[in-house]
């Protein structure tokens, strides 16, 4: 006997049951128990999947924060040296500096 494992988001698996005594599957009480077990298993599988999805989303968020922090840090660390180089280059372009100072 195969029972679909259906959770709130749809089918998650199939449960196969093969008892030694096939006659036990004809009992309505046994079928109700199997259906209850199938519902519990489906709920457990769905909770596990949801927990994995939440963990993946958390990891993605942390990765994005780390990337943003790294880019911000690199940008900040490069900004000061670039400003110094730009200032020195613009000073060299001015005609008010003598040749020896410009060469230095």
Protein backbone atom coordinates (compact mmCIF):
# COMPACT_ATOMS: atom_id res chain seq x y z
CA UNK A 1 0.00 0.00 0.00
CA UNK A 2 1.31 3.44 -0.94
CA UNK A 3 0.24 6.62 0.80
CA UNK A 4 1.05 10.09 -0.48
CA UNK A 5 2.70 12.33 2.09
CA UNK A 6 0.88 15.62 1.63
CA UNK A 7 1.84 18.73 3.58
CA UNK A 8 0.48 22.26 3.40
CA UNK A 9 2.71 23.09 0.41
CA UNK A 10 1.79 19.95 -1.52
CA UNK A 11 3.09 16.41 -1.89
CA UNK A 12 6.48 15.80 -0.33
CA UNK A 13 6.93 12.03 -0.67
CA UNK A 14 5.23 8.65 -0.84
CA UNK A 15 5.09 6.13 2.00
CA UNK A 16 5.10 2.47 1.06
CA UNK A 17 3.80 -0.08 3.57
CA UNK A 18 4.08 -3.83 3.18
CA UNK A 19 2.88 -5.71 6.25
CA UNK A 20 3.57 -9.40 6.74
CA UNK A 21 -0.18 -9.96 7.06
CA UNK A 22 -1.94 -8.25 4.12
CA UNK A 23 -5.30 -8.70 5.82
CA UNK A 24 -4.33 -6.04 8.40
CA UNK A 25 -4.51 -3.37 5.68
CA UNK A 26 -8.21 -4.01 5.23
CA UNK A 27 -9.02 -2.76 8.71
CA UNK A 28 -10.38 0.82 8.77
CA UNK A 29 -8.59 1.41 12.07
CA UNK A 30 -5.25 0.41 10.55
CA UNK A 31 -5.87 2.64 7.56
CA UNK A 32 -6.67 5.57 9.88
CA UNK A 33 -3.47 4.95 11.82
CA UNK A 34 -1.46 4.81 8.61
CA UNK A 35 -3.08 8.04 7.40
CA UNK A 36 -2.26 9.73 10.72
CA UNK A 37 1.35 8.50 10.52
CA UNK A 38 1.57 9.71 6.93
CA UNK A 39 0.32 13.18 7.95
CA UNK A 40 2.84 13.36 10.79
CA UNK A 41 5.69 12.28 8.52
CA UNK A 42 4.66 14.81 5.85
CA UNK A 43 4.59 17.59 8.46
CA UNK A 44 8.03 16.61 9.75
CA UNK A 45 9.49 16.58 6.23
CA UNK A 46 7.95 19.97 5.47
CA UNK A 47 9.33 21.47 8.72
CA UNK A 48 12.77 20.16 7.82
CA UNK A 49 12.56 21.66 4.34
CA UNK A 50 11.39 25.01 5.74
CA UNK A 51 14.24 25.04 8.25
CA UNK A 52 16.74 24.37 5.45
CA UNK A 53 15.25 27.17 3.36
CA UNK A 54 15.44 29.57 6.30
CA UNK A 55 19.05 28.59 6.92
CA UNK A 56 19.88 29.14 3.23
CA UNK A 57 18.21 32.57 3.28
CA UNK A 58 20.16 33.50 6.43
CA UNK A 59 23.41 32.41 4.77
CA UNK A 60 22.62 34.46 1.68
CA UNK A 61 21.88 37.52 3.80
CA UNK A 62 25.12 37.14 5.77
CA UNK A 63 27.07 36.67 2.54
CA UNK A 64 25.58 39.86 1.10
CA UNK A 65 26.38 41.79 4.27
CA UNK A 66 29.96 40.52 4.21
CA UNK A 67 30.35 41.47 0.55
CA UNK A 68 28.97 44.92 1.22
CA UNK A 69 31.31 45.42 4.19
CA UNK A 70 34.31 44.28 2.16
CA UNK A 71 33.51 46.63 -0.72
CA UNK A 72 32.96 49.50 1.69
CA UNK A 73 36.26 48.83 3.42
CA UNK A 74 38.21 48.53 0.16
CA UNK A 75 36.57 51.67 -1.17
CA UNK A 76 37.46 53.59 1.99
CA UNK A 77 41.05 52.29 2.03
CA UNK A 78 41.59 53.30 -1.60
CA UNK A 79 39.91 56.69 -1.39
CA UNK A 80 42.66 58.40 0.68
CA UNK A 81 45.66 57.28 -1.43
CA UNK A 82 43.81 58.18 -4.62
CA UNK A 83 43.04 61.65 -3.25
CA UNK A 84 46.73 62.15 -2.46
CA UNK A 85 47.79 61.02 -5.95
CA UNK A 86 45.15 63.24 -7.58
CA UNK A 87 46.26 66.22 -5.50
CA UNK A 88 49.92 65.66 -6.35
CA UNK A 89 49.14 65.31 -10.06
CA UNK A 90 47.10 68.51 -10.12
CA UNK A 91 49.92 70.33 -8.31
CA UNK A 92 52.40 69.12 -10.92
CA UNK A 93 50.23 70.50 -13.67
CA UNK A 94 50.36 74.01 -12.20
CA UNK A 95 52.94 76.39 -13.66
CA UNK A 96 53.71 77.99 -10.30
CA UNK A 97 56.11 75.21 -9.22
CA UNK A 98 59.78 75.39 -10.22
CA UNK A 99 61.35 72.53 -12.23
CA UNK A 100 63.39 71.01 -9.35
CA UNK A 101 60.36 70.77 -7.08
CA UNK A 102 58.29 69.31 -9.91
CA UNK A 103 60.97 66.68 -10.57
CA UNK A 104 61.10 65.73 -6.88
